[in-house]
Full PDB file with SEQRES, HELIX, SHEET, SSBOND, CRYST1, ORIGX, SCALE, CONECT and MASTER records, all heavy atoms in Angstrom:
SEQRES   1 A   39  GLN TYR ARG GLN ASN ARG ASP ALA PRO ASP LEU ARG GLY          
SEQRES   2 A   39  ARG VAL ALA VAL LEU VAL ASP ASP GLY VAL ALA THR GLY          
SEQRES   3 A   39  ALA THR MET ARG ALA ALA VAL ALA ALA LEU ARG LYS GLN          
HELIX    1 AA1 ALA A   27  ARG A   37  1                                  11    
CRYST1    1.000    1.000    1.000  90.00  90.00  90.00 P 1           1          
ORIGX1      1.000000  0.000000  0.000000        0.00000                         
ORIGX2      0.000000  1.000000  0.000000        0.00000                         
ORIGX3      0.000000  0.000000  1.000000        0.00000                         
SCALE1      1.000000  0.000000  0.000000        0.00000                         
SCALE2      0.000000  1.000000  0.000000        0.00000                         
SCALE3      0.000000  0.000000  1.000000        0.00000                         
ATOM      1  N   GLN A   1      11.820  -0.845 -10.392  1.00  0.00           N  
ATOM      2  CA  GLN A   1      12.462   0.463 -10.351  1.00  0.00           C  
ATOM      3  C   GLN A   1      12.615   0.962  -8.907  1.00  0.00           C  
ATOM      4  O   GLN A   1      13.659   1.487  -8.529  1.00  0.00           O  
ATOM      5  CB  GLN A   1      11.627   1.453 -11.167  1.00  0.00           C  
ATOM      6  CG  GLN A   1      12.385   2.706 -11.508  1.00  0.00           C  
ATOM      7  CD  GLN A   1      11.593   3.589 -12.448  1.00  0.00           C  
ATOM      8  OE1 GLN A   1      10.433   3.890 -12.208  1.00  0.00           O  
ATOM      9  NE2 GLN A   1      12.217   4.012 -13.527  1.00  0.00           N  
ATOM     10  N   TYR A   2      11.585   0.776  -8.100  1.00  0.00           N  
ATOM     11  CA  TYR A   2      11.617   1.280  -6.731  1.00  0.00           C  
ATOM     12  C   TYR A   2      12.530   0.448  -5.843  1.00  0.00           C  
ATOM     13  O   TYR A   2      13.265   0.967  -5.021  1.00  0.00           O  
ATOM     14  CB  TYR A   2      10.208   1.306  -6.122  1.00  0.00           C  
ATOM     15  CG  TYR A   2       9.259   2.256  -6.810  1.00  0.00           C  
ATOM     16  CD1 TYR A   2       7.883   2.100  -6.696  1.00  0.00           C  
ATOM     17  CD2 TYR A   2       9.725   3.317  -7.581  1.00  0.00           C  
ATOM     18  CE1 TYR A   2       6.998   2.966  -7.322  1.00  0.00           C  
ATOM     19  CE2 TYR A   2       8.853   4.184  -8.218  1.00  0.00           C  
ATOM     20  CZ  TYR A   2       7.488   3.999  -8.084  1.00  0.00           C  
ATOM     21  OH  TYR A   2       6.619   4.854  -8.712  1.00  0.00           O  
ATOM     22  N   ARG A   3      12.456  -0.876  -5.995  1.00  0.00           N  
ATOM     23  CA  ARG A   3      13.234  -1.743  -5.099  1.00  0.00           C  
ATOM     24  C   ARG A   3      14.644  -1.985  -5.595  1.00  0.00           C  
ATOM     25  O   ARG A   3      15.465  -2.512  -4.869  1.00  0.00           O  
ATOM     26  CB  ARG A   3      12.533  -3.092  -4.936  1.00  0.00           C  
ATOM     27  CG  ARG A   3      11.328  -3.021  -4.059  1.00  0.00           C  
ATOM     28  CD  ARG A   3      11.079  -4.326  -3.326  1.00  0.00           C  
ATOM     29  NE  ARG A   3       9.904  -4.153  -2.481  1.00  0.00           N  
ATOM     30  CZ  ARG A   3       8.669  -4.328  -2.898  1.00  0.00           C  
ATOM     31  NH1 ARG A   3       8.444  -4.732  -4.132  1.00  0.00           N  
ATOM     32  NH2 ARG A   3       7.656  -4.115  -2.089  1.00  0.00           N  
ATOM     33  N   GLN A   4      14.899  -1.652  -6.874  1.00  0.00           N  
ATOM     34  CA  GLN A   4      16.232  -1.891  -7.448  1.00  0.00           C  
ATOM     35  C   GLN A   4      16.635  -3.359  -7.255  1.00  0.00           C  
ATOM     36  O   GLN A   4      17.717  -3.685  -6.763  1.00  0.00           O  
ATOM     37  CB  GLN A   4      17.269  -0.969  -6.787  1.00  0.00           C  
ATOM     38  CG  GLN A   4      16.942   0.515  -6.962  1.00  0.00           C  
ATOM     39  CD  GLN A   4      17.228   1.018  -8.366  1.00  0.00           C  
ATOM     40  OE1 GLN A   4      18.364   1.223  -8.747  1.00  0.00           O  
ATOM     41  NE2 GLN A   4      16.180   1.226  -9.153  1.00  0.00           N  
ATOM     42  N   ASN A   5      15.688  -4.254  -7.620  1.00  0.00           N  
ATOM     43  CA  ASN A   5      15.905  -5.714  -7.567  1.00  0.00           C  
ATOM     44  C   ASN A   5      15.985  -6.314  -6.157  1.00  0.00           C  
ATOM     45  O   ASN A   5      16.320  -7.482  -6.004  1.00  0.00           O  
ATOM     46  CB  ASN A   5      17.136  -6.131  -8.396  1.00  0.00           C  
ATOM     47  CG  ASN A   5      16.963  -5.755  -9.860  1.00  0.00           C  
ATOM     48  OD1 ASN A   5      15.880  -5.919 -10.412  1.00  0.00           O  
ATOM     49  ND2 ASN A   5      18.012  -5.241 -10.480  1.00  0.00           N  
ATOM     50  N   ARG A   6      15.708  -5.523  -5.132  1.00  0.00           N  
ATOM     51  CA  ARG A   6      15.577  -6.116  -3.791  1.00  0.00           C  
ATOM     52  C   ARG A   6      14.275  -6.907  -3.755  1.00  0.00           C  
ATOM     53  O   ARG A   6      13.296  -6.531  -4.388  1.00  0.00           O  
ATOM     54  CB  ARG A   6      15.498  -5.018  -2.713  1.00  0.00           C  
ATOM     55  CG  ARG A   6      16.788  -4.297  -2.429  1.00  0.00           C  
ATOM     56  CD  ARG A   6      16.648  -3.407  -1.181  1.00  0.00           C  
ATOM     57  NE  ARG A   6      15.521  -2.496  -1.253  1.00  0.00           N  
ATOM     58  CZ  ARG A   6      15.561  -1.304  -1.842  1.00  0.00           C  
ATOM     59  NH1 ARG A   6      16.668  -0.869  -2.426  1.00  0.00           N  
ATOM     60  NH2 ARG A   6      14.502  -0.521  -1.846  1.00  0.00           N  
ATOM     61  N   ASP A   7      14.229  -7.978  -2.985  1.00  0.00           N  
ATOM     62  CA  ASP A   7      12.999  -8.761  -2.870  1.00  0.00           C  
ATOM     63  C   ASP A   7      11.949  -7.990  -2.081  1.00  0.00           C  
ATOM     64  O   ASP A   7      12.289  -7.210  -1.190  1.00  0.00           O  
ATOM     65  CB  ASP A   7      13.272 -10.095  -2.153  1.00  0.00           C  
ATOM     66  CG  ASP A   7      14.062 -11.056  -3.032  1.00  0.00           C  
ATOM     67  OD1 ASP A   7      14.013 -10.884  -4.271  1.00  0.00           O  
ATOM     68  OD2 ASP A   7      14.730 -11.946  -2.483  1.00  0.00           O  
ATOM     69  N   ALA A   8      10.690  -8.268  -2.398  1.00  0.00           N  
ATOM     70  CA  ALA A   8       9.597  -7.696  -1.602  1.00  0.00           C  
ATOM     71  C   ALA A   8       9.648  -8.328  -0.210  1.00  0.00           C  
ATOM     72  O   ALA A   8      10.027  -9.489  -0.068  1.00  0.00           O  
ATOM     73  CB  ALA A   8       8.263  -7.992  -2.266  1.00  0.00           C  
ATOM     74  N   PRO A   9       9.286  -7.569   0.825  1.00  0.00           N  
ATOM     75  CA  PRO A   9       9.354  -8.139   2.179  1.00  0.00           C  
ATOM     76  C   PRO A   9       8.281  -9.202   2.394  1.00  0.00           C  
ATOM     77  O   PRO A   9       7.205  -9.129   1.794  1.00  0.00           O  
ATOM     78  CB  PRO A   9       9.107  -6.923   3.082  1.00  0.00           C  
ATOM     79  CG  PRO A   9       8.306  -5.978   2.243  1.00  0.00           C  
ATOM     80  CD  PRO A   9       8.767  -6.192   0.837  1.00  0.00           C  
ATOM     81  N   ASP A  10       8.566 -10.164   3.245  1.00  0.00           N  
ATOM     82  CA  ASP A  10       7.581 -11.166   3.634  1.00  0.00           C  
ATOM     83  C   ASP A  10       6.710 -10.519   4.714  1.00  0.00           C  
ATOM     84  O   ASP A  10       7.207 -10.123   5.769  1.00  0.00           O  
ATOM     85  CB  ASP A  10       8.303 -12.402   4.184  1.00  0.00           C  
ATOM     86  CG  ASP A  10       7.324 -13.530   4.512  1.00  0.00           C  
ATOM     87  OD1 ASP A  10       6.099 -13.310   4.408  1.00  0.00           O  
ATOM     88  OD2 ASP A  10       7.790 -14.625   4.880  1.00  0.00           O  
ATOM     89  N   LEU A  11       5.420 -10.381   4.436  1.00  0.00           N  
ATOM     90  CA  LEU A  11       4.542  -9.646   5.351  1.00  0.00           C  
ATOM     91  C   LEU A  11       3.753 -10.552   6.292  1.00  0.00           C  
ATOM     92  O   LEU A  11       3.002 -10.067   7.133  1.00  0.00           O  
ATOM     93  CB  LEU A  11       3.571  -8.775   4.540  1.00  0.00           C  
ATOM     94  CG  LEU A  11       4.239  -7.701   3.667  1.00  0.00           C  
ATOM     95  CD1 LEU A  11       3.203  -6.998   2.815  1.00  0.00           C  
ATOM     96  CD2 LEU A  11       5.010  -6.691   4.507  1.00  0.00           C  
ATOM     97  N   ARG A  12       3.923 -11.863   6.160  1.00  0.00           N  
ATOM     98  CA  ARG A  12       3.159 -12.786   7.009  1.00  0.00           C  
ATOM     99  C   ARG A  12       3.461 -12.546   8.488  1.00  0.00           C  
ATOM    100  O   ARG A  12       4.624 -12.446   8.882  1.00  0.00           O  
ATOM    101  CB  ARG A  12       3.506 -14.240   6.662  1.00  0.00           C  
ATOM    102  CG  ARG A  12       2.822 -14.746   5.402  1.00  0.00           C  
ATOM    103  CD  ARG A  12       3.338 -16.102   5.023  1.00  0.00           C  
ATOM    104  NE  ARG A  12       4.786 -16.065   4.808  1.00  0.00           N  
ATOM    105  CZ  ARG A  12       5.480 -17.113   4.354  1.00  0.00           C  
ATOM    106  NH1 ARG A  12       4.886 -18.244   4.096  1.00  0.00           N  
ATOM    107  NH2 ARG A  12       6.786 -17.012   4.177  1.00  0.00           N  
ATOM    108  N   GLY A  13       2.382 -12.426   9.257  1.00  0.00           N  
ATOM    109  CA  GLY A  13       2.544 -12.270  10.698  1.00  0.00           C  
ATOM    110  C   GLY A  13       3.031 -10.909  11.146  1.00  0.00           C  
ATOM    111  O   GLY A  13       3.414 -10.735  12.301  1.00  0.00           O  
ATOM    112  N   ARG A  14       3.000  -9.935  10.237  1.00  0.00           N  
ATOM    113  CA  ARG A  14       3.516  -8.606  10.603  1.00  0.00           C  
ATOM    114  C   ARG A  14       2.394  -7.586  10.756  1.00  0.00           C  
ATOM    115  O   ARG A  14       1.278  -7.778  10.265  1.00  0.00           O  
ATOM    116  CB  ARG A  14       4.508  -8.121   9.538  1.00  0.00           C  
ATOM    117  CG  ARG A  14       5.699  -9.059   9.414  1.00  0.00           C  
ATOM    118  CD  ARG A  14       6.762  -8.526   8.495  1.00  0.00           C  
ATOM    119  NE  ARG A  14       7.578  -7.488   9.120  1.00  0.00           N  
ATOM    120  CZ  ARG A  14       8.686  -6.992   8.575  1.00  0.00           C  
ATOM    121  NH1 ARG A  14       9.112  -7.453   7.416  1.00  0.00           N  
ATOM    122  NH2 ARG A  14       9.379  -6.058   9.190  1.00  0.00           N  
ATOM    123  N   VAL A  15       2.705  -6.509  11.438  1.00  0.00           N  
ATOM    124  CA  VAL A  15       1.794  -5.364  11.550  1.00  0.00           C  
ATOM    125  C   VAL A  15       2.151  -4.422  10.404  1.00  0.00           C  
ATOM    126  O   VAL A  15       3.272  -3.916  10.345  1.00  0.00           O  
ATOM    127  CB  VAL A  15       1.954  -4.648  12.906  1.00  0.00           C  
ATOM    128  CG1 VAL A  15       1.123  -3.366  12.935  1.00  0.00           C  
ATOM    129  CG2 VAL A  15       1.560  -5.569  14.048  1.00  0.00           C  
ATOM    130  N   ALA A  16       1.213  -4.210   9.489  1.00  0.00           N  
ATOM    131  CA  ALA A  16       1.460  -3.347   8.332  1.00  0.00           C  
ATOM    132  C   ALA A  16       0.859  -1.970   8.584  1.00  0.00           C  
ATOM    133  O   ALA A  16      -0.352  -1.833   8.771  1.00  0.00           O  
ATOM    134  CB  ALA A  16       0.845  -3.966   7.077  1.00  0.00           C  
ATOM    135  N   VAL A  17       1.731  -0.959   8.622  1.00  0.00           N  
ATOM    136  CA  VAL A  17       1.272   0.429   8.755  1.00  0.00           C  
ATOM    137  C   VAL A  17       1.263   1.004   7.341  1.00  0.00           C  
ATOM    138  O   VAL A  17       2.311   1.317   6.775  1.00  0.00           O  
ATOM    139  CB  VAL A  17       2.198   1.244   9.692  1.00  0.00           C  
ATOM    140  CG1 VAL A  17       1.671   2.670   9.844  1.00  0.00           C  
ATOM    141  CG2 VAL A  17       2.318   0.566  11.059  1.00  0.00           C  
ATOM    142  N   LEU A  18       0.075   1.103   6.767  1.00  0.00           N  
ATOM    143  CA  LEU A  18      -0.093   1.485   5.369  1.00  0.00           C  
ATOM    144  C   LEU A  18      -0.322   2.992   5.273  1.00  0.00           C  
ATOM    145  O   LEU A  18      -1.291   3.512   5.832  1.00  0.00           O  
ATOM    146  CB  LEU A  18      -1.296   0.717   4.810  1.00  0.00           C  
ATOM    147  CG  LEU A  18      -1.550   0.695   3.321  1.00  0.00           C  
ATOM    148  CD1 LEU A  18      -0.390   0.087   2.555  1.00  0.00           C  
ATOM    149  CD2 LEU A  18      -2.829  -0.090   3.037  1.00  0.00           C  
ATOM    150  N   VAL A  19       0.586   3.685   4.589  1.00  0.00           N  
ATOM    151  CA  VAL A  19       0.587   5.155   4.621  1.00  0.00           C  
ATOM    152  C   VAL A  19       0.399   5.756   3.229  1.00  0.00           C  
ATOM    153  O   VAL A  19       1.023   5.327   2.262  1.00  0.00           O  
ATOM    154  CB  VAL A  19       1.928   5.672   5.219  1.00  0.00           C  
ATOM    155  CG1 VAL A  19       2.015   7.191   5.148  1.00  0.00           C  
ATOM    156  CG2 VAL A  19       2.084   5.200   6.667  1.00  0.00           C  
ATOM    157  N   ASP A  20      -0.473   6.768   3.148  1.00  0.00           N  
ATOM    158  CA  ASP A  20      -0.598   7.568   1.926  1.00  0.00           C  
ATOM    159  C   ASP A  20      -0.564   9.040   2.336  1.00  0.00           C  
ATOM    160  O   ASP A  20      -0.610   9.361   3.526  1.00  0.00           O  
ATOM    161  CB  ASP A  20      -1.894   7.233   1.182  1.00  0.00           C  
ATOM    162  CG  ASP A  20      -1.783   7.501  -0.318  1.00  0.00           C  
ATOM    163  OD1 ASP A  20      -0.786   8.123  -0.752  1.00  0.00           O  
ATOM    164  OD2 ASP A  20      -2.691   7.092  -1.071  1.00  0.00           O  
ATOM    165  N   ASP A  21      -0.490   9.935   1.347  1.00  0.00           N  
ATOM    166  CA  ASP A  21      -0.411  11.370   1.702  1.00  0.00           C  
ATOM    167  C   ASP A  21      -1.777  11.962   2.020  1.00  0.00           C  
ATOM    168  O   ASP A  21      -1.900  13.110   2.422  1.00  0.00           O  
ATOM    169  CB  ASP A  21       0.315  12.182   0.616  1.00  0.00           C  
ATOM    170  CG  ASP A  21      -0.276  11.993  -0.779  1.00  0.00           C  
ATOM    171  OD1 ASP A  21      -1.374  11.409  -0.896  1.00  0.00           O  
ATOM    172  OD2 ASP A  21       0.375  12.421  -1.762  1.00  0.00           O  
ATOM    173  N   GLY A  22      -2.833  11.160   1.841  1.00  0.00           N  
ATOM    174  CA  GLY A  22      -4.183  11.594   2.163  1.00  0.00           C  
ATOM    175  C   GLY A  22      -5.186  10.681   1.493  1.00  0.00           C  
ATOM    176  O   GLY A  22      -4.822   9.889   0.620  1.00  0.00           O  
ATOM    177  N   VAL A  23      -6.453  10.759   1.923  1.00  0.00           N  
ATOM    178  CA  VAL A  23      -7.504   9.997   1.238  1.00  0.00           C  
ATOM    179  C   VAL A  23      -8.657  10.918   0.884  1.00  0.00           C  
ATOM    180  O   VAL A  23      -9.104  11.706   1.712  1.00  0.00           O  
ATOM    181  CB  VAL A  23      -8.026   8.788   2.070  1.00  0.00           C  
ATOM    182  CG1 VAL A  23      -7.006   7.673   2.127  1.00  0.00           C  
ATOM    183  CG2 VAL A  23      -8.463   9.177   3.466  1.00  0.00           C  
ATOM    184  N   ALA A  24      -9.104  10.796  -0.360  1.00  0.00           N  
ATOM    185  CA  ALA A  24     -10.298  11.524  -0.809  1.00  0.00           C  
ATOM    186  C   ALA A  24     -11.430  10.499  -0.934  1.00  0.00           C  
ATOM    187  O   ALA A  24     -12.281  10.378  -0.066  1.00  0.00           O  
ATOM    188  CB  ALA A  24     -10.024  12.237  -2.123  1.00  0.00           C  
ATOM    189  N   THR A  25     -11.405   9.680  -2.008  1.00  0.00           N  
ATOM    190  CA  THR A  25     -12.421   8.617  -2.146  1.00  0.00           C  
ATOM    191  C   THR A  25     -11.976   7.346  -1.429  1.00  0.00           C  
ATOM    192  O   THR A  25     -12.782   6.512  -1.071  1.00  0.00           O  
ATOM    193  CB  THR A  25     -12.660   8.262  -3.622  1.00  0.00           C  
ATOM    194  OG1 THR A  25     -11.457   7.697  -4.160  1.00  0.00           O  
ATOM    195  CG2 THR A  25     -13.041   9.488  -4.432  1.00  0.00           C  
ATOM    196  N   GLY A  26     -10.662   7.193  -1.252  1.00  0.00           N  
ATOM    197  CA  GLY A  26     -10.140   6.019  -0.546  1.00  0.00           C  
ATOM    198  C   GLY A  26      -9.988   4.777  -1.407  1.00  0.00           C  
ATOM    199  O   GLY A  26      -9.675   3.700  -0.895  1.00  0.00           O  
ATOM    200  N   ALA A  27     -10.175   4.896  -2.733  1.00  0.00           N  
ATOM    201  CA  ALA A  27     -10.153   3.715  -3.609  1.00  0.00           C  
ATOM    202  C   ALA A  27      -8.809   2.983  -3.575  1.00  0.00           C  
ATOM    203  O   ALA A  27      -8.755   1.755  -3.472  1.00  0.00           O  
ATOM    204  CB  ALA A  27     -10.497   4.120  -5.045  1.00  0.00           C  
ATOM    205  N   THR A  28      -7.707   3.732  -3.648  1.00  0.00           N  
ATOM    206  CA  THR A  28      -6.384   3.098  -3.658  1.00  0.00           C  
ATOM    207  C   THR A  28      -6.107   2.428  -2.319  1.00  0.00           C  
ATOM    208  O   THR A  28      -5.598   1.305  -2.265  1.00  0.00           O  
ATOM    209  CB  THR A  28      -5.291   4.161  -3.929  1.00  0.00           C  
ATOM    210  OG1 THR A  28      -5.680   4.919  -5.063  1.00  0.00           O  
ATOM    211  CG2 THR A  28      -3.951   3.521  -4.212  1.00  0.00           C  
ATOM    212  N   MET A  29      -6.443   3.116  -1.244  1.00  0.00           N  
ATOM    213  CA  MET A  29      -6.229   2.556   0.099  1.00  0.00           C  
ATOM    214  C   MET A  29      -7.037   1.274   0.270  1.00  0.00           C  
ATOM    215  O   MET A  29      -6.540   0.277   0.793  1.00  0.00           O  
ATOM    216  CB  MET A  29      -6.620   3.595   1.161  1.00  0.00           C  
ATOM    217  CG  MET A  29      -6.330   3.191   2.588  1.00  0.00           C  
ATOM    218  SD  MET A  29      -4.563   2.978   2.949  1.00  0.00           S  
ATOM    219  CE  MET A  29      -4.076   4.638   3.428  1.00  0.00           C  
ATOM    220  N   ARG A  30      -8.294   1.279  -0.215  1.00  0.00           N  
ATOM    221  CA  ARG A  30      -9.137   0.075  -0.097  1.00  0.00           C  
ATOM    222  C   ARG A  30      -8.527  -1.104  -0.832  1.00  0.00           C  
ATOM    223  O   ARG A  30      -8.528  -2.235  -0.345  1.00  0.00           O  
ATOM    224  CB  ARG A  30     -10.526   0.346  -0.687  1.00  0.00           C  
ATOM    225  CG  ARG A  30     -11.452   0.962   0.277  1.00  0.00           C  
ATOM    226  CD  ARG A  30     -12.902   0.933  -0.187  1.00  0.00           C  
ATOM    227  NE  ARG A  30     -13.651   1.750   0.736  1.00  0.00           N  
ATOM    228  CZ  ARG A  30     -13.813   3.066   0.589  1.00  0.00           C  
ATOM    229  NH1 ARG A  30     -13.313   3.691  -0.445  1.00  0.00           N  
ATOM    230  NH2 ARG A  30     -14.476   3.756   1.495  1.00  0.00           N  
ATOM    231  N   ALA A  31      -8.018  -0.840  -2.039  1.00  0.00           N  
ATOM    232  CA  ALA A  31      -7.398  -1.911  -2.831  1.00  0.00           C  
ATOM    233  C   ALA A  31      -6.180  -2.466  -2.099  1.00  0.00           C  
ATOM    234  O   ALA A  31      -5.973  -3.683  -2.032  1.00  0.00           O  
ATOM    235  CB  ALA A  31      -6.999  -1.385  -4.206  1.00  0.00           C  
ATOM    236  N   ALA A  32      -5.386  -1.571  -1.526  1.00  0.00           N  
ATOM    237  CA  ALA A  32      -4.190  -2.000  -0.803  1.00  0.00           C  
ATOM    238  C   ALA A  32      -4.567  -2.825   0.423  1.00  0.00           C  
ATOM    239  O   ALA A  32      -3.939  -3.852   0.711  1.00  0.00           O  
ATOM    240  CB  ALA A  32      -3.370  -0.781  -0.385  1.00  0.00           C  
ATOM    241  N   VAL A  33      -5.606  -2.402   1.127  1.00  0.00           N  
ATOM    242  CA  VAL A  33      -6.060  -3.125   2.320  1.00  0.00           C  
ATOM    243  C   VAL A  33      -6.532  -4.530   1.942  1.00  0.00           C  
ATOM    244  O   VAL A  33      -6.157  -5.523   2.577  1.00  0.00           O  
ATOM    245  CB  VAL A  33      -7.192  -2.339   3.040  1.00  0.00           C  
ATOM    246  CG1 VAL A  33      -7.892  -3.193   4.085  1.00  0.00           C  
ATOM    247  CG2 VAL A  33      -6.628  -1.075   3.688  1.00  0.00           C  
ATOM    248  N   ALA A  34      -7.337  -4.607   0.875  1.00  0.00           N  
ATOM    249  CA  ALA A  34      -7.843  -5.915   0.436  1.00  0.00           C  
ATOM    250  C   ALA A  34      -6.682  -6.825   0.040  1.00  0.00           C  
ATOM    251  O   ALA A  34      -6.688  -8.030   0.330  1.00  0.00           O  
ATOM    252  CB  ALA A  34      -8.806  -5.731  -0.734  1.00  0.00           C  
ATOM    253  N   ALA A  35      -5.675  -6.252  -0.605  1.00  0.00           N  
ATOM    254  CA  ALA A  35      -4.506  -7.032  -1.021  1.00  0.00           C  
ATOM    255  C   ALA A  35      -3.699  -7.491   0.187  1.00  0.00           C  
ATOM    256  O   ALA A  35      -3.242  -8.634   0.251  1.00  0.00           O  
ATOM    257  CB  ALA A  35      -3.638  -6.203  -1.961  1.00  0.00           C  
ATOM    258  N   LEU A  36      -3.545  -6.610   1.172  1.00  0.00           N  
ATOM    259  CA  LEU A  36      -2.784  -6.974   2.378  1.00  0.00           C  
ATOM    260  C   LEU A  36      -3.476  -8.094   3.156  1.00  0.00           C  
ATOM    261  O   LEU A  36      -2.815  -8.951   3.740  1.00  0.00           O  
ATOM    262  CB  LEU A  36      -2.612  -5.761   3.293  1.00  0.00           C  
ATOM    263  CG  LEU A  36      -1.455  -4.819   2.965  1.00  0.00           C  
ATOM    264  CD1 LEU A  36      -1.490  -3.612   3.883  1.00  0.00           C  
ATOM    265  CD2 LEU A  36      -0.112  -5.516   3.087  1.00  0.00           C  
ATOM    266  N   ARG A  37      -4.813  -8.078   3.149  1.00  0.00           N  
ATOM    267  CA  ARG A  37      -5.569  -9.129   3.846  1.00  0.00           C  
ATOM    268  C   ARG A  37      -5.172 -10.510   3.323  1.00  0.00           C  
ATOM    269  O   ARG A  37      -5.185 -11.489   4.044  1.00  0.00           O  
ATOM    270  CB  ARG A  37      -7.070  -8.937   3.646  1.00  0.00           C  
ATOM    271  CG  ARG A  37      -7.644  -7.777   4.414  1.00  0.00           C  
ATOM    272  CD  ARG A  37      -8.235  -8.182   5.750  1.00  0.00           C  
ATOM    273  NE  ARG A  37      -8.696  -7.008   6.475  1.00  0.00           N  
ATOM    274  CZ  ARG A  37      -8.202  -6.566   7.619  1.00  0.00           C  
ATOM    275  NH1 ARG A  37      -7.201  -7.194   8.185  1.00  0.00           N  
ATOM    276  NH2 ARG A  37      -8.690  -5.508   8.221  1.00  0.00           N  
ATOM    277  N   LYS A  38      -4.848 -10.573   2.024  1.00  0.00           N  
ATOM    278  CA  LYS A  38      -4.499 -11.858   1.414  1.00  0.00           C  
ATOM    279  C   LYS A  38      -3.058 -12.260   1.696  1.00  0.00           C  
ATOM    280  O   LYS A  38      -2.616 -13.316   1.284  1.00  0.00           O  
ATOM    281  CB  LYS A  38      -4.727 -11.786  -0.098  1.00  0.00           C  
ATOM    282  CG  LYS A  38      -6.193 -11.587  -0.472  1.00  0.00           C  
ATOM    283  CD  LYS A  38      -6.410 -11.703  -1.965  1.00  0.00           C  
ATOM    284  CE  LYS A  38      -7.899 -11.646  -2.289  1.00  0.00           C  
ATOM    285  NZ  LYS A  38      -8.170 -11.954  -3.697  1.00  0.00           N  
ATOM    286  N   GLN A  39      -2.313 -11.390   2.368  1.00  0.00           N  
ATOM    287  CA  GLN A  39      -0.904 -11.688   2.633  1.00  0.00           C  
ATOM    288  C   GLN A  39      -0.659 -12.118   4.085  1.00  0.00           C  
ATOM    289  O   GLN A  39       0.464 -12.112   4.564  1.00  0.00           O  
ATOM    290  CB  GLN A  39      -0.036 -10.473   2.287  1.00  0.00           C  
ATOM    291  CG  GLN A  39      -0.142 -10.120   0.817  1.00  0.00           C  
ATOM    292  CD  GLN A  39       1.161  -9.608   0.240  1.00  0.00           C  
ATOM    293  OE1 GLN A  39       2.218  -9.771   0.826  1.00  0.00           O  
ATOM    294  NE2 GLN A  39       1.099  -8.998  -0.913  1.00  0.00           N  
TER     295      GLN A  39                                                      
MASTER        0    0    0    1    0    0    0    6  294    1    0    3          
END                                                                             
């Protein structure tokens, strides 16, 4: 729905600036960070 069938970007070798509107417990941000580490 968000990408409208565009491919996800290839993140290998890139600097990822991961943005949210704020962090309280940080659970979502942590999950995203762990996932990015694998990319």
